[in-house]
């Protein structure tokens, strides 16, 4: 259930390549930065 919101937070898109491969390519720090940024936006976090 979290795949689409996580993909949106990481890439800004709701569809794309495997989320798990994408996160591996982006790297831990970049993924965490993007998740923090998405959670800081009330319209995405709620």
N, C-alpha and C. Protein backbone atom coordinates (compact mmCIF):
# COMPACT_ATOMS: atom_id res chain seq x y z
N UNK A 1 0.80 -1.20 0.00
CA UNK A 1 0.00 0.00 0.00
C UNK A 1 0.85 1.27 0.00
N UNK A 2 2.06 1.16 0.43
CA UNK A 2 2.90 2.34 0.51
C UNK A 2 3.72 2.58 -0.75
N UNK A 3 3.66 1.67 -1.70
CA UNK A 3 4.51 1.79 -2.88
C UNK A 3 4.22 3.08 -3.64
N UNK A 4 2.97 3.38 -3.91
CA UNK A 4 2.66 4.57 -4.72
C UNK A 4 2.99 5.87 -4.00
N UNK A 5 2.64 6.03 -2.72
CA UNK A 5 3.05 7.26 -2.03
C UNK A 5 4.57 7.40 -1.92
N UNK A 6 5.27 6.30 -1.70
CA UNK A 6 6.73 6.36 -1.63
C UNK A 6 7.32 6.74 -2.98
N UNK A 7 6.80 6.17 -4.06
CA UNK A 7 7.28 6.51 -5.39
C UNK A 7 7.03 7.98 -5.67
N UNK A 8 5.86 8.47 -5.30
CA UNK A 8 5.54 9.88 -5.51
C UNK A 8 6.51 10.76 -4.73
N UNK A 9 6.81 10.40 -3.50
CA UNK A 9 7.74 11.18 -2.68
C UNK A 9 9.16 11.15 -3.25
N UNK A 10 9.56 10.01 -3.80
CA UNK A 10 10.93 9.87 -4.29
C UNK A 10 11.13 10.45 -5.68
N UNK A 11 10.09 10.38 -6.52
CA UNK A 11 10.28 10.78 -7.92
C UNK A 11 9.34 11.88 -8.39
N UNK A 12 8.26 12.11 -7.66
CA UNK A 12 7.28 13.09 -8.13
C UNK A 12 6.30 12.49 -9.13
N UNK A 13 6.37 11.19 -9.32
CA UNK A 13 5.48 10.49 -10.27
C UNK A 13 4.83 9.31 -9.56
N UNK A 14 3.67 8.91 -10.06
CA UNK A 14 2.97 7.79 -9.43
C UNK A 14 3.22 6.46 -10.14
N UNK A 15 3.92 6.49 -11.25
CA UNK A 15 4.23 5.27 -11.98
C UNK A 15 5.68 5.32 -12.41
N UNK A 16 6.27 4.16 -12.58
CA UNK A 16 7.65 4.12 -13.01
C UNK A 16 8.28 2.77 -12.74
N UNK A 17 9.59 2.74 -12.72
CA UNK A 17 10.29 1.48 -12.48
C UNK A 17 10.07 0.97 -11.07
N UNK A 18 10.55 -0.21 -10.83
CA UNK A 18 10.45 -0.83 -9.50
C UNK A 18 10.91 0.15 -8.44
N UNK A 19 10.09 0.38 -7.45
CA UNK A 19 10.42 1.31 -6.39
C UNK A 19 11.68 0.88 -5.66
N UNK A 20 11.82 -0.39 -5.42
CA UNK A 20 12.95 -0.89 -4.66
C UNK A 20 14.27 -0.70 -5.41
N UNK A 21 14.26 -0.91 -6.71
CA UNK A 21 15.45 -0.65 -7.51
C UNK A 21 15.73 0.85 -7.58
N UNK A 22 14.70 1.62 -7.72
CA UNK A 22 14.82 3.07 -7.78
C UNK A 22 15.46 3.61 -6.49
N UNK A 23 14.97 3.13 -5.35
CA UNK A 23 15.52 3.58 -4.07
C UNK A 23 16.98 3.16 -3.93
N UNK A 24 17.32 2.01 -4.44
CA UNK A 24 18.71 1.56 -4.38
C UNK A 24 19.61 2.48 -5.21
N UNK A 25 19.14 2.87 -6.38
CA UNK A 25 19.92 3.75 -7.25
C UNK A 25 20.06 5.14 -6.64
N UNK A 26 18.97 5.65 -6.06
CA UNK A 26 19.02 6.99 -5.46
C UNK A 26 19.92 7.03 -4.23
N UNK A 27 19.95 5.96 -3.49
CA UNK A 27 20.76 5.90 -2.28
C UNK A 27 19.98 6.33 -1.05
N UNK A 28 20.41 5.83 0.08
CA UNK A 28 19.70 6.05 1.35
C UNK A 28 19.53 7.53 1.68
N UNK A 29 20.58 8.30 1.61
CA UNK A 29 20.49 9.70 2.04
C UNK A 29 19.56 10.51 1.13
N UNK A 30 19.63 10.28 -0.17
CA UNK A 30 18.76 11.02 -1.09
C UNK A 30 17.29 10.63 -0.88
N UNK A 31 17.03 9.34 -0.69
CA UNK A 31 15.66 8.88 -0.45
C UNK A 31 15.12 9.49 0.84
N UNK A 32 15.91 9.47 1.89
CA UNK A 32 15.45 10.04 3.17
C UNK A 32 15.20 11.54 3.05
N UNK A 33 16.05 12.26 2.32
CA UNK A 33 15.83 13.69 2.10
C UNK A 33 14.51 13.94 1.39
N UNK A 34 14.24 13.14 0.36
CA UNK A 34 13.01 13.31 -0.41
C UNK A 34 11.78 12.95 0.42
N UNK A 35 11.89 11.92 1.25
CA UNK A 35 10.77 11.56 2.12
C UNK A 35 10.51 12.66 3.15
N UNK A 36 11.57 13.21 3.72
CA UNK A 36 11.42 14.32 4.67
C UNK A 36 10.76 15.51 4.00
N UNK A 37 11.18 15.82 2.79
CA UNK A 37 10.60 16.94 2.05
C UNK A 37 9.11 16.70 1.78
N UNK A 38 8.75 15.48 1.41
CA UNK A 38 7.34 15.16 1.14
C UNK A 38 6.51 15.23 2.41
N UNK A 39 7.06 14.75 3.51
CA UNK A 39 6.32 14.79 4.79
C UNK A 39 6.14 16.21 5.30
N UNK A 40 7.00 17.11 4.90
CA UNK A 40 6.89 18.51 5.31
C UNK A 40 5.76 19.24 4.58
N UNK A 41 5.24 18.63 3.54
CA UNK A 41 4.14 19.23 2.76
C UNK A 41 2.82 18.65 3.28
N UNK A 42 2.01 19.49 3.92
CA UNK A 42 0.76 19.01 4.54
C UNK A 42 -0.17 18.29 3.56
N UNK A 43 -0.22 18.71 2.32
CA UNK A 43 -1.13 18.07 1.37
C UNK A 43 -0.69 16.66 1.00
N UNK A 44 0.58 16.34 1.24
CA UNK A 44 1.08 14.98 0.96
C UNK A 44 1.14 14.12 2.21
N UNK A 45 1.34 14.73 3.35
CA UNK A 45 1.54 13.97 4.57
C UNK A 45 0.23 13.51 5.21
N UNK A 46 -0.86 14.16 4.92
CA UNK A 46 -2.10 13.87 5.62
C UNK A 46 -2.90 12.83 4.99
